[in-house]
Amino acid sequence: MSKSYWLTPEEVLRRKKMKKNLVYTSIVFATIILSALLTIVSNQL
């Protein structure tokens, strides 16, 4: 908790941007994996 006080505003902004990018990339990966699983399952039916 105390570590956040040592960050400069620029670093805080950079962290927020990185977190946002991480969320977006994880959503993309989840979508790709889901579609791949659905394709595999539908092919086995």
N, C-alpha and C. Protein backbone atom coordinates (compact mmCIF):
# COMPACT_ATOMS: atom_id res chain seq x y z
N MET A 1 0.83 -1.19 0.00
CA MET A 1 0.00 0.00 0.00
C MET A 1 0.87 1.25 0.00
N SER A 2 1.93 1.25 0.80
CA SER A 2 2.79 2.42 0.90
C SER A 2 3.58 2.64 -0.39
N LYS A 3 3.74 1.57 -1.17
CA LYS A 3 4.53 1.67 -2.40
C LYS A 3 3.87 2.60 -3.41
N SER A 4 2.54 2.65 -3.42
CA SER A 4 1.84 3.47 -4.40
C SER A 4 2.13 4.95 -4.21
N TYR A 5 2.49 5.34 -3.00
CA TYR A 5 2.78 6.75 -2.76
C TYR A 5 4.10 7.18 -3.38
N TRP A 6 4.98 6.24 -3.62
CA TRP A 6 6.29 6.57 -4.18
C TRP A 6 6.22 6.75 -5.69
N LEU A 7 5.12 6.33 -6.31
CA LEU A 7 4.99 6.45 -7.76
C LEU A 7 4.70 7.89 -8.17
N THR A 8 5.32 8.32 -9.27
CA THR A 8 5.01 9.63 -9.81
C THR A 8 3.71 9.52 -10.60
N PRO A 9 3.01 10.64 -10.83
CA PRO A 9 1.75 10.59 -11.61
C PRO A 9 1.93 9.95 -12.98
N GLU A 10 3.10 10.17 -13.60
CA GLU A 10 3.36 9.56 -14.90
C GLU A 10 3.38 8.04 -14.79
N GLU A 11 4.03 7.54 -13.73
CA GLU A 11 4.10 6.08 -13.54
C GLU A 11 2.72 5.51 -13.28
N VAL A 12 1.91 6.24 -12.53
CA VAL A 12 0.55 5.78 -12.25
C VAL A 12 -0.24 5.67 -13.54
N LEU A 13 -0.11 6.70 -14.40
CA LEU A 13 -0.81 6.68 -15.69
C LEU A 13 -0.34 5.51 -16.54
N ARG A 14 0.99 5.29 -16.55
CA ARG A 14 1.56 4.18 -17.33
C ARG A 14 1.01 2.85 -16.83
N ARG A 15 0.93 2.72 -15.50
CA ARG A 15 0.39 1.47 -14.92
C ARG A 15 -1.05 1.25 -15.36
N LYS A 16 -1.85 2.34 -15.31
CA LYS A 16 -3.26 2.23 -15.69
C LYS A 16 -3.39 1.82 -17.14
N LYS A 17 -2.56 2.41 -18.02
CA LYS A 17 -2.61 2.07 -19.44
C LYS A 17 -2.23 0.61 -19.64
N MET A 18 -1.20 0.14 -18.93
CA MET A 18 -0.77 -1.26 -19.05
C MET A 18 -1.89 -2.19 -18.60
N LYS A 19 -2.56 -1.84 -17.49
CA LYS A 19 -3.65 -2.68 -17.00
C LYS A 19 -4.77 -2.75 -18.02
N LYS A 20 -5.09 -1.59 -18.64
CA LYS A 20 -6.14 -1.55 -19.65
C LYS A 20 -5.76 -2.44 -20.82
N ASN A 21 -4.51 -2.35 -21.28
CA ASN A 21 -4.04 -3.17 -22.40
C ASN A 21 -4.11 -4.64 -22.04
N LEU A 22 -3.74 -4.97 -20.80
CA LEU A 22 -3.79 -6.36 -20.34
C LEU A 22 -5.21 -6.89 -20.40
N VAL A 23 -6.16 -6.09 -19.95
CA VAL A 23 -7.56 -6.50 -19.97
C VAL A 23 -8.01 -6.75 -21.40
N TYR A 24 -7.68 -5.81 -22.31
CA TYR A 24 -8.10 -5.97 -23.69
C TYR A 24 -7.48 -7.20 -24.33
N THR A 25 -6.18 -7.43 -24.11
CA THR A 25 -5.53 -8.59 -24.72
C THR A 25 -6.09 -9.89 -24.14
N SER A 26 -6.39 -9.90 -22.85
CA SER A 26 -6.95 -11.12 -22.26
C SER A 26 -8.33 -11.41 -22.82
N ILE A 27 -9.11 -10.34 -23.09
CA ILE A 27 -10.44 -10.53 -23.69
C ILE A 27 -10.29 -11.13 -25.09
N VAL A 28 -9.32 -10.60 -25.85
CA VAL A 28 -9.08 -11.11 -27.21
C VAL A 28 -8.68 -12.58 -27.16
N PHE A 29 -7.74 -12.91 -26.25
CA PHE A 29 -7.30 -14.30 -26.14
C PHE A 29 -8.44 -15.21 -25.71
N ALA A 30 -9.25 -14.75 -24.77
CA ALA A 30 -10.38 -15.55 -24.31
C ALA A 30 -11.35 -15.81 -25.45
N THR A 31 -11.59 -14.80 -26.28
CA THR A 31 -12.49 -14.96 -27.43
C THR A 31 -11.94 -15.98 -28.41
N ILE A 32 -10.64 -15.89 -28.69
CA ILE A 32 -10.00 -16.83 -29.62
C ILE A 32 -10.10 -18.25 -29.09
N ILE A 33 -9.78 -18.43 -27.81
CA ILE A 33 -9.82 -19.77 -27.21
C ILE A 33 -11.24 -20.32 -27.21
N LEU A 34 -12.21 -19.45 -26.87
CA LEU A 34 -13.61 -19.88 -26.86
C LEU A 34 -14.06 -20.31 -28.24
N SER A 35 -13.73 -19.53 -29.26
CA SER A 35 -14.15 -19.89 -30.62
C SER A 35 -13.48 -21.19 -31.06
N ALA A 36 -12.21 -21.38 -30.68
CA ALA A 36 -11.52 -22.62 -31.03
C ALA A 36 -12.20 -23.82 -30.36
N LEU A 37 -12.53 -23.67 -29.09
CA LEU A 37 -13.22 -24.76 -28.36
C LEU A 37 -14.57 -25.05 -29.00
N LEU A 38 -15.31 -23.99 -29.34
CA LEU A 38 -16.62 -24.20 -29.96
C LEU A 38 -16.49 -24.91 -31.30
N THR A 39 -15.46 -24.57 -32.06
CA THR A 39 -15.22 -25.23 -33.34
C THR A 39 -14.93 -26.72 -33.14
N ILE A 40 -14.07 -27.01 -32.17
CA ILE A 40 -13.72 -28.42 -31.89
C ILE A 40 -14.96 -29.20 -31.46
N VAL A 41 -15.75 -28.60 -30.56
CA VAL A 41 -16.94 -29.29 -30.06
C VAL A 41 -17.95 -29.50 -31.18
N SER A 42 -18.17 -28.49 -32.01
CA SER A 42 -19.15 -28.62 -33.09
C SER A 42 -18.68 -29.63 -34.15
N ASN A 43 -17.38 -29.78 -34.32
CA ASN A 43 -16.87 -30.75 -35.28
C ASN A 43 -17.06 -32.18 -34.78
N GLN A 44 -17.08 -32.36 -33.47
CA GLN A 44 -17.24 -33.70 -32.92
C GLN A 44 -18.69 -34.14 -32.85
N LEU A 45 -19.61 -33.21 -33.02
CA LEU A 45 -21.02 -33.57 -32.94
C LEU A 45 -21.47 -34.31 -34.20
